[in-house]
Amino acid sequence: MSNPNNRFLIFVSLVIIHLFFSSCQGQDKQRRISVQRQVTDQSKESLIESNKKRMLEEMDNINNYVVMNNYKMIKTPTGIHIMTLVEGKGPKPKLLSDVSLKYRITLLDGSYIYSSDSSGVLSFILGQSNEPSGLQEALLDINEGSKAIVIIPYYLAYGITGDGDKIGSAQSLVYDLELIKVRSN
């Protein structure tokens, strides 16, 4: 049999070795977490810079489109461009108004996407719809009965994913629309 003192020394040695390796793993884990945070922060910064660049390029594309077509448009602080072709006499919608509109959607290059001629009149409640937020925002500035051209930057339309059908990644939309009905609740 072993000497009780030897067993105690072995036990203490094992505890010390365990504590040593545990502390090393803790330090190593802290280093890994720190490195992961740095990589995550760098990735976030890189994505932010990439998105800023993409947004600025798209704003240039929209501005070039406006100039090329000689449009006199109002630009909202969020980057939506609106040009009223016919001023309607009806009310402007508010948040939660039920709106109906005729529309034709194209891309900046003129490619046809959708229209109410093939899809029917579009009706929805402002602020409670899956319609692009840019369209909903623009309608708040348009009177019932108005006809307008609205250009919605991709980041207020279907974003970098598109709609999964005809609208691809990061595509700004040109709406030629008529707000035919506003029903306030």
N, C-alpha and C. Protein backbone atom coordinates (compact mmCIF):
# COMPACT_ATOMS: atom_id res chain seq x y z
N MET A 1 0.82 -1.18 0.00
CA MET A 1 0.00 0.00 0.00
C MET A 1 0.86 1.24 0.00
N SER A 2 0.32 2.25 -0.52
CA SER A 2 1.05 3.52 -0.60
C SER A 2 0.99 4.22 0.73
N ASN A 3 1.94 5.02 0.90
CA ASN A 3 2.04 5.86 2.08
C ASN A 3 0.98 6.95 1.99
N PRO A 4 0.22 7.23 3.08
CA PRO A 4 -0.81 8.28 3.02
C PRO A 4 -0.24 9.64 2.64
N ASN A 5 1.00 9.92 3.00
CA ASN A 5 1.62 11.20 2.62
C ASN A 5 1.82 11.26 1.11
N ASN A 6 2.20 10.13 0.51
CA ASN A 6 2.39 10.10 -0.94
C ASN A 6 1.06 10.30 -1.67
N ARG A 7 0.03 9.65 -1.13
CA ARG A 7 -1.28 9.82 -1.75
C ARG A 7 -1.73 11.28 -1.66
N PHE A 8 -1.48 11.90 -0.53
CA PHE A 8 -1.84 13.31 -0.37
C PHE A 8 -1.06 14.17 -1.35
N LEU A 9 0.25 13.92 -1.51
CA LEU A 9 1.07 14.69 -2.45
C LEU A 9 0.60 14.49 -3.89
N ILE A 10 0.24 13.27 -4.20
CA ILE A 10 -0.26 13.00 -5.55
C ILE A 10 -1.58 13.74 -5.77
N PHE A 11 -2.45 13.68 -4.77
CA PHE A 11 -3.73 14.38 -4.87
C PHE A 11 -3.53 15.87 -5.04
N VAL A 12 -2.66 16.48 -4.20
CA VAL A 12 -2.39 17.91 -4.29
C VAL A 12 -1.78 18.24 -5.64
N SER A 13 -0.88 17.41 -6.11
CA SER A 13 -0.24 17.64 -7.42
C SER A 13 -1.29 17.60 -8.53
N LEU A 14 -2.21 16.64 -8.46
CA LEU A 14 -3.25 16.56 -9.49
C LEU A 14 -4.17 17.78 -9.45
N VAL A 15 -4.49 18.24 -8.24
CA VAL A 15 -5.32 19.43 -8.11
C VAL A 15 -4.60 20.64 -8.70
N ILE A 16 -3.32 20.78 -8.38
CA ILE A 16 -2.54 21.91 -8.92
C ILE A 16 -2.46 21.84 -10.43
N ILE A 17 -2.21 20.66 -10.96
CA ILE A 17 -2.13 20.50 -12.42
C ILE A 17 -3.48 20.84 -13.06
N HIS A 18 -4.55 20.34 -12.44
CA HIS A 18 -5.90 20.64 -12.95
C HIS A 18 -6.19 22.14 -12.93
N LEU A 19 -5.85 22.79 -11.82
CA LEU A 19 -6.07 24.23 -11.71
C LEU A 19 -5.24 24.99 -12.74
N PHE A 20 -3.99 24.55 -12.94
CA PHE A 20 -3.11 25.21 -13.90
C PHE A 20 -3.72 25.13 -15.31
N PHE A 21 -4.11 23.91 -15.71
CA PHE A 21 -4.66 23.75 -17.05
C PHE A 21 -6.02 24.44 -17.19
N SER A 22 -6.79 24.42 -16.13
CA SER A 22 -8.08 25.11 -16.17
C SER A 22 -7.87 26.61 -16.36
N SER A 23 -6.92 27.17 -15.65
CA SER A 23 -6.67 28.61 -15.80
C SER A 23 -6.12 28.92 -17.18
N CYS A 24 -5.31 28.04 -17.72
CA CYS A 24 -4.78 28.25 -19.08
C CYS A 24 -5.92 28.21 -20.09
N GLN A 25 -6.82 27.24 -19.89
CA GLN A 25 -7.96 27.16 -20.80
C GLN A 25 -8.84 28.40 -20.66
N GLY A 26 -9.01 28.89 -19.45
CA GLY A 26 -9.79 30.11 -19.23
C GLY A 26 -9.17 31.29 -19.94
N GLN A 27 -7.82 31.40 -19.82
CA GLN A 27 -7.14 32.50 -20.50
C GLN A 27 -7.24 32.32 -22.01
N ASP A 28 -7.07 31.07 -22.46
CA ASP A 28 -7.17 30.79 -23.88
C ASP A 28 -8.58 31.10 -24.39
N LYS A 29 -9.58 30.73 -23.59
CA LYS A 29 -10.97 31.01 -23.96
C LYS A 29 -11.20 32.51 -24.04
N GLN A 30 -10.65 33.26 -23.07
CA GLN A 30 -10.79 34.72 -23.08
C GLN A 30 -10.13 35.31 -24.32
N ARG A 31 -8.93 34.78 -24.68
CA ARG A 31 -8.25 35.25 -25.89
C ARG A 31 -9.08 34.95 -27.12
N ARG A 32 -9.66 33.74 -27.19
CA ARG A 32 -10.49 33.38 -28.35
C ARG A 32 -11.72 34.29 -28.44
N ILE A 33 -12.35 34.54 -27.31
CA ILE A 33 -13.52 35.43 -27.30
C ILE A 33 -13.12 36.83 -27.76
N SER A 34 -11.97 37.31 -27.28
CA SER A 34 -11.49 38.63 -27.68
C SER A 34 -11.22 38.68 -29.18
N VAL A 35 -10.60 37.65 -29.72
CA VAL A 35 -10.31 37.60 -31.16
C VAL A 35 -11.62 37.52 -31.94
N GLN A 36 -12.57 36.71 -31.47
CA GLN A 36 -13.86 36.61 -32.15
C GLN A 36 -14.58 37.96 -32.16
N ARG A 37 -14.51 38.69 -31.05
CA ARG A 37 -15.13 40.02 -31.00
C ARG A 37 -14.48 40.96 -32.01
N GLN A 38 -13.14 40.90 -32.09
CA GLN A 38 -12.44 41.76 -33.04
C GLN A 38 -12.84 41.42 -34.46
N VAL A 39 -12.90 40.12 -34.78
CA VAL A 39 -13.29 39.71 -36.12
C VAL A 39 -14.72 40.13 -36.39
N THR A 40 -15.63 39.93 -35.43
CA THR A 40 -17.02 40.33 -35.59
C THR A 40 -17.13 41.83 -35.79
N ASP A 41 -16.40 42.61 -34.97
CA ASP A 41 -16.43 44.07 -35.11
C ASP A 41 -15.90 44.49 -36.48
N GLN A 42 -14.80 43.83 -36.93
CA GLN A 42 -14.24 44.15 -38.25
C GLN A 42 -15.23 43.78 -39.35
N SER A 43 -15.91 42.64 -39.20
CA SER A 43 -16.90 42.21 -40.19
C SER A 43 -18.05 43.21 -40.24
N LYS A 44 -18.52 43.63 -39.06
CA LYS A 44 -19.61 44.61 -39.02
C LYS A 44 -19.18 45.90 -39.70
N GLU A 45 -18.00 46.38 -39.37
CA GLU A 45 -17.50 47.62 -39.98
C GLU A 45 -17.39 47.46 -41.49
N SER A 46 -16.90 46.32 -41.92
CA SER A 46 -16.77 46.06 -43.35
C SER A 46 -18.13 46.05 -44.04
N LEU A 47 -19.11 45.40 -43.42
CA LEU A 47 -20.47 45.38 -43.98
C LEU A 47 -21.08 46.78 -44.01
N ILE A 48 -20.88 47.54 -42.96
CA ILE A 48 -21.41 48.90 -42.90
C ILE A 48 -20.80 49.74 -44.02
N GLU A 49 -19.49 49.65 -44.18
CA GLU A 49 -18.83 50.42 -45.24
C GLU A 49 -19.30 49.97 -46.62
N SER A 50 -19.44 48.66 -46.80
CA SER A 50 -19.91 48.13 -48.08
C SER A 50 -21.32 48.62 -48.39
N ASN A 51 -22.20 48.60 -47.38
CA ASN A 51 -23.57 49.08 -47.58
C ASN A 51 -23.62 50.58 -47.85
N LYS A 52 -22.78 51.35 -47.15
CA LYS A 52 -22.72 52.80 -47.41
C LYS A 52 -22.32 53.05 -48.86
N LYS A 53 -21.32 52.33 -49.30
CA LYS A 53 -20.83 52.49 -50.68
C LYS A 53 -21.93 52.12 -51.67
N ARG A 54 -22.62 51.01 -51.42
CA ARG A 54 -23.70 50.57 -52.30
C ARG A 54 -24.83 51.59 -52.34
N MET A 55 -25.17 52.14 -51.18
CA MET A 55 -26.24 53.14 -51.11
C MET A 55 -25.86 54.41 -51.87
N LEU A 56 -24.62 54.86 -51.71
CA LEU A 56 -24.18 56.06 -52.42
C LEU A 56 -24.17 55.84 -53.93
N GLU A 57 -23.73 54.65 -54.36
CA GLU A 57 -23.75 54.33 -55.79
C GLU A 57 -25.18 54.33 -56.32
N GLU A 58 -26.09 53.77 -55.54
CA GLU A 58 -27.49 53.73 -55.99
C GLU A 58 -28.10 55.12 -56.03
N MET A 59 -27.74 55.97 -55.07
CA MET A 59 -28.25 57.35 -55.11
C MET A 59 -27.71 58.05 -56.36
N ASP A 60 -26.47 57.79 -56.73
CA ASP A 60 -25.93 58.35 -57.98
C ASP A 60 -26.72 57.83 -59.18
N ASN A 61 -27.02 56.52 -59.19
CA ASN A 61 -27.80 55.95 -60.29
C ASN A 61 -29.17 56.61 -60.39
N ILE A 62 -29.81 56.81 -59.24
CA ILE A 62 -31.13 57.45 -59.24
C ILE A 62 -31.02 58.90 -59.72
N ASN A 63 -30.03 59.64 -59.22
CA ASN A 63 -29.85 61.02 -59.65
C ASN A 63 -29.59 61.10 -61.15
N ASN A 64 -28.78 60.19 -61.69
CA ASN A 64 -28.52 60.15 -63.14
C ASN A 64 -29.81 59.86 -63.91
N TYR A 65 -30.63 58.96 -63.40
CA TYR A 65 -31.91 58.63 -64.03
C TYR A 65 -32.82 59.86 -64.06
N VAL A 66 -32.87 60.58 -62.96
CA VAL A 66 -33.71 61.78 -62.87
C VAL A 66 -33.23 62.82 -63.89
N VAL A 67 -31.93 63.05 -63.95
CA VAL A 67 -31.37 64.03 -64.89
C VAL A 67 -31.61 63.58 -66.33
N MET A 68 -31.35 62.30 -66.62
CA MET A 68 -31.51 61.78 -67.97
C MET A 68 -32.94 61.93 -68.47
N ASN A 69 -33.91 61.79 -67.57
CA ASN A 69 -35.32 61.90 -67.96
C ASN A 69 -35.87 63.31 -67.78
N ASN A 70 -35.00 64.23 -67.35
CA ASN A 70 -35.37 65.62 -67.15
C ASN A 70 -36.57 65.77 -66.20
N TYR A 71 -36.57 64.94 -65.15
CA TYR A 71 -37.63 65.00 -64.15
C TYR A 71 -37.34 66.10 -63.14
N LYS A 72 -38.39 66.78 -62.72
CA LYS A 72 -38.31 67.77 -61.64
C LYS A 72 -38.93 67.13 -60.41
N MET A 73 -38.10 66.52 -59.60
CA MET A 73 -38.60 65.70 -58.49
C MET A 73 -38.25 66.31 -57.15
N ILE A 74 -39.08 65.99 -56.19
CA ILE A 74 -38.80 66.33 -54.80
C ILE A 74 -38.14 65.11 -54.18
N LYS A 75 -37.08 65.34 -53.44
CA LYS A 75 -36.38 64.23 -52.79
C LYS A 75 -36.65 64.30 -51.29
N THR A 76 -37.12 63.19 -50.72
CA THR A 76 -37.38 63.14 -49.29
C THR A 76 -36.06 62.91 -48.54
N PRO A 77 -36.03 63.16 -47.25
CA PRO A 77 -34.81 62.92 -46.48
C PRO A 77 -34.33 61.45 -46.52
N THR A 78 -35.24 60.53 -46.78
CA THR A 78 -34.85 59.12 -46.83
C THR A 78 -34.36 58.68 -48.21
N GLY A 79 -34.48 59.57 -49.22
CA GLY A 79 -33.96 59.26 -50.54
C GLY A 79 -35.01 58.90 -51.58
N ILE A 80 -36.27 59.00 -51.24
CA ILE A 80 -37.34 58.75 -52.20
C ILE A 80 -37.50 59.99 -53.07
N HIS A 81 -37.70 59.80 -54.37
CA HIS A 81 -37.94 60.90 -55.30
C HIS A 81 -39.40 60.85 -55.75
N ILE A 82 -40.07 62.00 -55.71
CA ILE A 82 -41.49 62.07 -56.07
C ILE A 82 -41.70 63.22 -57.05
N MET A 83 -42.42 62.93 -58.12
CA MET A 83 -42.81 63.97 -59.06
C MET A 83 -44.31 63.80 -59.33
N THR A 84 -45.08 64.80 -58.96
CA THR A 84 -46.52 64.77 -59.19
C THR A 84 -46.79 65.20 -60.63
N LEU A 85 -47.50 64.35 -61.36
CA LEU A 85 -47.86 64.63 -62.74
C LEU A 85 -49.21 65.32 -62.83
N VAL A 86 -50.16 64.83 -62.02
CA VAL A 86 -51.51 65.40 -61.94
C VAL A 86 -51.83 65.51 -60.46
N GLU A 87 -52.16 66.72 -60.02
CA GLU A 87 -52.48 66.95 -58.61
C GLU A 87 -53.94 66.59 -58.35
N GLY A 88 -54.17 65.62 -57.48
CA GLY A 88 -55.52 65.22 -57.12
C GLY A 88 -56.14 66.19 -56.13
N LYS A 89 -57.44 66.15 -56.06
CA LYS A 89 -58.18 67.07 -55.17
C LYS A 89 -58.57 66.41 -53.84
N GLY A 90 -58.36 65.11 -53.73
CA GLY A 90 -58.77 64.39 -52.53
C GLY A 90 -57.77 64.53 -51.39
N PRO A 91 -58.07 63.87 -50.27
CA PRO A 91 -57.21 63.97 -49.09
C PRO A 91 -55.91 63.18 -49.26
N LYS A 92 -54.93 63.56 -48.47
CA LYS A 92 -53.71 62.77 -48.38
C LYS A 92 -53.95 61.65 -47.37
N PRO A 93 -53.43 60.47 -47.65
CA PRO A 93 -53.60 59.39 -46.67
C PRO A 93 -52.77 59.66 -45.42
N LYS A 94 -53.18 59.01 -44.35
CA LYS A 94 -52.45 59.04 -43.09
C LYS A 94 -52.08 57.61 -42.75
N LEU A 95 -51.29 57.45 -41.73
CA LEU A 95 -50.98 56.12 -41.24
C LEU A 95 -52.30 55.42 -40.89
N LEU A 96 -52.44 54.20 -41.32
CA LEU A 96 -53.63 53.35 -41.13
C LEU A 96 -54.77 53.66 -42.10
N SER A 97 -54.53 54.56 -43.07
CA SER A 97 -55.52 54.77 -44.13
C SER A 97 -55.49 53.55 -45.05
N ASP A 98 -56.67 53.23 -45.58
CA ASP A 98 -56.79 52.17 -46.58
C ASP A 98 -56.64 52.86 -47.93
N VAL A 99 -55.65 52.45 -48.71
CA VAL A 99 -55.39 53.10 -50.00
C VAL A 99 -55.55 52.10 -51.14
N SER A 100 -55.91 52.61 -52.30
CA SER A 100 -55.99 51.82 -53.52
C SER A 100 -55.28 52.59 -54.61
N LEU A 101 -54.49 51.89 -55.41
CA LEU A 101 -53.77 52.58 -56.47
C LEU A 101 -53.57 51.70 -57.69
N LYS A 102 -53.51 52.39 -58.81
CA LYS A 102 -53.10 51.77 -60.06
C LYS A 102 -51.60 52.06 -60.17
N TYR A 103 -50.86 51.14 -60.77
CA TYR A 103 -49.41 51.32 -60.80
C TYR A 103 -48.77 50.57 -61.96
N ARG A 104 -47.59 50.98 -62.24
CA ARG A 104 -46.69 50.28 -63.17
C ARG A 104 -45.31 50.41 -62.54
N ILE A 105 -44.64 49.27 -62.35
CA ILE A 105 -43.31 49.28 -61.74
C ILE A 105 -42.28 48.88 -62.78
N THR A 106 -41.23 49.70 -62.88
CA THR A 106 -40.09 49.39 -63.74
C THR A 106 -38.80 49.57 -62.93
N LEU A 107 -37.71 49.10 -63.49
CA LEU A 107 -36.40 49.34 -62.90
C LEU A 107 -35.82 50.60 -63.51
N LEU A 108 -34.70 51.06 -62.99
CA LEU A 108 -34.06 52.26 -63.52
C LEU A 108 -33.65 52.08 -64.98
N ASP A 109 -33.39 50.85 -65.40
CA ASP A 109 -33.01 50.61 -66.79
C ASP A 109 -34.23 50.50 -67.71
N GLY A 110 -35.44 50.67 -67.15
CA GLY A 110 -36.66 50.64 -67.94
C GLY A 110 -37.32 49.27 -68.00
N SER A 111 -36.71 48.26 -67.44
CA SER A 111 -37.29 46.91 -67.48
C SER A 111 -38.62 46.88 -66.73
N TYR A 112 -39.63 46.32 -67.40
CA TYR A 112 -40.95 46.19 -66.81
C TYR A 112 -40.93 45.12 -65.72
N ILE A 113 -41.60 45.39 -64.58
CA ILE A 113 -41.66 44.43 -63.49
C ILE A 113 -43.10 43.98 -63.25
N TYR A 114 -43.95 44.86 -62.79
CA TYR A 114 -45.35 44.54 -62.47
C TYR A 114 -46.23 45.73 -62.83
N SER A 115 -47.55 45.47 -62.95
CA SER A 115 -48.49 46.57 -63.12
C SER A 115 -49.87 46.14 -62.68
N SER A 116 -50.70 47.12 -62.38
CA SER A 116 -52.09 46.82 -62.01
C SER A 116 -52.88 46.34 -63.22
N ASP A 117 -52.38 46.58 -64.44
CA ASP A 117 -53.06 46.06 -65.63
C ASP A 117 -53.09 44.53 -65.59
N SER A 118 -52.03 43.94 -65.09
CA SER A 118 -51.99 42.47 -65.03
C SER A 118 -52.31 41.93 -63.65
N SER A 119 -52.05 42.70 -62.61
CA SER A 119 -52.23 42.21 -61.23
C SER A 119 -53.47 42.77 -60.55
N GLY A 120 -54.10 43.76 -61.14
CA GLY A 120 -55.26 44.39 -60.52
C GLY A 120 -54.85 45.56 -59.64
N VAL A 121 -55.84 46.33 -59.23
CA VAL A 121 -55.60 47.49 -58.37
C VAL A 121 -54.99 47.00 -57.06
N LEU A 122 -54.02 47.74 -56.57
CA LEU A 122 -53.34 47.40 -55.32
C LEU A 122 -54.02 48.15 -54.18
N SER A 123 -54.51 47.41 -53.18
CA SER A 123 -55.13 48.02 -52.01
C SER A 123 -54.45 47.48 -50.76
N PHE A 124 -54.18 48.38 -49.82
CA PHE A 124 -53.56 47.97 -48.56
C PHE A 124 -53.73 49.07 -47.52
N ILE A 125 -53.42 48.76 -46.29
CA ILE A 125 -53.50 49.72 -45.19
C ILE A 125 -52.09 50.23 -44.89
N LEU A 126 -51.92 51.53 -44.97
CA LEU A 126 -50.60 52.13 -44.71
C LEU A 126 -50.13 51.81 -43.29
N GLY A 127 -48.94 51.29 -43.22
CA GLY A 127 -48.35 50.96 -41.93
C GLY A 127 -48.65 49.55 -41.47
N GLN A 128 -49.51 48.84 -42.17
CA GLN A 128 -49.85 47.46 -41.81
C GLN A 128 -49.78 46.56 -43.04
N SER A 129 -48.82 46.81 -43.88
CA SER A 129 -48.74 46.09 -45.14
C SER A 129 -47.31 45.60 -45.37
N ASN A 130 -47.20 44.61 -46.22
CA ASN A 130 -45.88 44.13 -46.63
C ASN A 130 -45.37 44.87 -47.85
N GLU A 131 -46.13 45.83 -48.32
CA GLU A 131 -45.66 46.63 -49.45
C GLU A 131 -44.41 47.39 -49.01
N PRO A 132 -43.52 47.71 -49.95
CA PRO A 132 -42.26 48.39 -49.58
C PRO A 132 -42.51 49.64 -48.72
N SER A 133 -41.69 49.81 -47.72
CA SER A 133 -41.83 50.95 -46.82
C SER A 133 -41.67 52.27 -47.58
N GLY A 134 -40.84 52.28 -48.62
CA GLY A 134 -40.67 53.49 -49.43
C GLY A 134 -41.95 53.89 -50.15
N LEU A 135 -42.70 52.91 -50.64
CA LEU A 135 -43.97 53.21 -51.29
C LEU A 135 -44.96 53.76 -50.26
N GLN A 136 -45.02 53.14 -49.11
CA GLN A 136 -45.94 53.59 -48.07
C GLN A 136 -45.59 55.01 -47.62
N GLU A 137 -44.30 55.29 -47.48
CA GLU A 137 -43.87 56.64 -47.10
C GLU A 137 -44.25 57.66 -48.17
N ALA A 138 -44.01 57.32 -49.43
CA ALA A 138 -44.30 58.26 -50.53
C ALA A 138 -45.78 58.58 -50.61
N LEU A 139 -46.62 57.59 -50.38
CA LEU A 139 -48.07 57.83 -50.49
C LEU A 139 -48.58 58.84 -49.48
N LEU A 140 -47.88 59.00 -48.37
CA LEU A 140 -48.28 59.99 -47.36
C LEU A 140 -48.20 61.42 -47.89
N ASP A 141 -47.46 61.62 -49.01
CA ASP A 141 -47.29 62.95 -49.60
C ASP A 141 -48.10 63.14 -50.88
N ILE A 142 -48.99 62.20 -51.18
CA ILE A 142 -49.72 62.25 -52.46
C ILE A 142 -51.22 62.31 -52.17
N ASN A 143 -51.91 63.27 -52.78
CA ASN A 143 -53.36 63.40 -52.61
C ASN A 143 -54.11 62.33 -53.41
N GLU A 144 -55.28 61.97 -52.90
CA GLU A 144 -56.16 61.08 -53.64
C GLU A 144 -56.46 61.70 -55.01
N GLY A 145 -56.41 60.90 -56.04
CA GLY A 145 -56.64 61.38 -57.40
C GLY A 145 -55.38 61.82 -58.11
N SER A 146 -54.27 61.87 -57.40
CA SER A 146 -53.01 62.30 -58.01
C SER A 146 -52.38 61.18 -58.83
N LYS A 147 -51.65 61.61 -59.85
CA LYS A 147 -50.78 60.71 -60.61
C LYS A 147 -49.36 61.18 -60.35
N ALA A 148 -48.46 60.23 -60.13
CA ALA A 148 -47.10 60.60 -59.78
C ALA A 148 -46.11 59.53 -60.23
N ILE A 149 -44.88 59.97 -60.34
CA ILE A 149 -43.77 59.05 -60.53
C ILE A 149 -42.98 59.06 -59.23
N VAL A 150 -42.74 57.87 -58.70
CA VAL A 150 -42.03 57.73 -57.44
C VAL A 150 -40.86 56.77 -57.65
N ILE A 151 -39.69 57.21 -57.26
CA ILE A 151 -38.50 56.35 -57.34
C ILE A 151 -38.11 55.97 -55.92
N ILE A 152 -38.08 54.67 -55.69
CA ILE A 152 -37.79 54.15 -54.35
C ILE A 152 -36.45 53.44 -54.37
N PRO A 153 -35.49 53.93 -53.57
CA PRO A 153 -34.19 53.25 -53.49
C PRO A 153 -34.36 51.82 -52.98
N TYR A 154 -33.47 50.93 -53.40
CA TYR A 154 -33.59 49.52 -53.04
C TYR A 154 -33.73 49.29 -51.54
N TYR A 155 -33.06 50.12 -50.73
CA TYR A 155 -33.08 49.89 -49.29
C TYR A 155 -34.42 50.24 -48.66
N LEU A 156 -35.32 50.89 -49.42
CA LEU A 156 -36.69 51.13 -48.97
C LEU A 156 -37.69 50.35 -49.82
N ALA A 157 -37.16 49.50 -50.70
CA ALA A 157 -38.02 48.66 -51.55
C ALA A 157 -37.91 47.21 -51.06
N TYR A 158 -37.18 46.39 -51.78
CA TYR A 158 -37.05 44.98 -51.40
C TYR A 158 -35.63 44.62 -50.95
N GLY A 159 -34.82 45.65 -50.66
CA GLY A 159 -33.50 45.43 -50.07
C GLY A 159 -32.55 44.65 -50.94
N ILE A 160 -31.59 44.03 -50.27
CA ILE A 160 -30.56 43.28 -50.99
C ILE A 160 -31.02 41.88 -51.36
N THR A 161 -32.22 41.48 -50.92
CA THR A 161 -32.70 40.14 -51.25
C THR A 161 -33.63 40.11 -52.44
N GLY A 162 -34.27 41.23 -52.76
CA GLY A 162 -35.26 41.24 -53.84
C GLY A 162 -36.57 40.65 -53.34
N ASP A 163 -37.49 40.41 -54.29
CA ASP A 163 -38.80 39.88 -53.89
C ASP A 163 -38.92 38.37 -54.14
N GLY A 164 -37.85 37.76 -54.60
CA GLY A 164 -37.89 36.33 -54.86
C GLY A 164 -38.54 35.98 -56.18
N ASP A 165 -38.91 36.99 -56.96
CA ASP A 165 -39.55 36.74 -58.25
C ASP A 165 -38.89 37.60 -59.32
N LYS A 166 -39.45 38.76 -59.61
CA LYS A 166 -38.94 39.60 -60.70
C LYS A 166 -37.98 40.68 -60.25
N ILE A 167 -38.00 41.02 -58.97
CA ILE A 167 -37.14 42.09 -58.46
C ILE A 167 -35.92 41.44 -57.83
N GLY A 168 -34.76 41.74 -58.39
CA GLY A 168 -33.52 41.14 -57.91
C GLY A 168 -32.90 41.90 -56.75
N SER A 169 -31.71 41.52 -56.43
CA SER A 169 -30.98 42.10 -55.31
C SER A 169 -30.65 43.57 -55.56
N ALA A 170 -30.92 44.39 -54.56
CA ALA A 170 -30.54 45.81 -54.55
C ALA A 170 -31.01 46.56 -55.80
N GLN A 171 -32.29 46.42 -56.13
CA GLN A 171 -32.83 47.12 -57.29
C GLN A 171 -33.83 48.19 -56.86
N SER A 172 -33.53 49.41 -57.26
CA SER A 172 -34.44 50.51 -57.00
C SER A 172 -35.61 50.41 -57.96
N LEU A 173 -36.77 50.92 -57.53
CA LEU A 173 -37.99 50.77 -58.31
C LEU A 173 -38.55 52.13 -58.71
N VAL A 174 -39.10 52.17 -59.92
CA VAL A 174 -39.78 53.36 -60.42
C VAL A 174 -41.26 53.01 -60.50
N TYR A 175 -42.05 53.70 -59.70
CA TYR A 175 -43.51 53.52 -59.71
C TYR A 175 -44.12 54.66 -60.51
N ASP A 176 -44.91 54.33 -61.51
CA ASP A 176 -45.77 55.29 -62.18
C ASP A 176 -47.15 54.94 -61.63
N LEU A 177 -47.69 55.82 -60.78
CA LEU A 177 -48.89 55.43 -60.04
C LEU A 177 -49.98 56.48 -60.06
N GLU A 178 -51.18 56.01 -59.76
CA GLU A 178 -52.34 56.88 -59.55
C GLU A 178 -52.99 56.44 -58.26
N LEU A 179 -53.08 57.34 -57.30
CA LEU A 179 -53.73 57.06 -56.02
C LEU A 179 -55.23 57.28 -56.22
N ILE A 180 -55.96 56.19 -56.38
CA ILE A 180 -57.37 56.31 -56.77
C ILE A 180 -58.34 56.37 -55.58
N LYS A 181 -57.93 55.91 -54.42
CA LYS A 181 -58.86 55.94 -53.29
C LYS A 181 -58.09 55.99 -51.97
N VAL A 182 -58.57 56.86 -51.06
CA VAL A 182 -58.05 56.96 -49.71
C VAL A 182 -59.23 56.85 -48.76
N ARG A 183 -59.20 55.88 -47.89
CA ARG A 183 -60.25 55.73 -46.87
C ARG A 183 -59.56 55.76 -45.52
N SER A 184 -59.84 56.83 -44.76
CA SER A 184 -59.24 56.96 -43.43
C SER A 184 -60.11 56.27 -42.39
N ASN A 185 -59.45 55.65 -41.46
CA ASN A 185 -60.16 54.96 -40.36
C ASN A 185 -60.29 55.82 -39.15
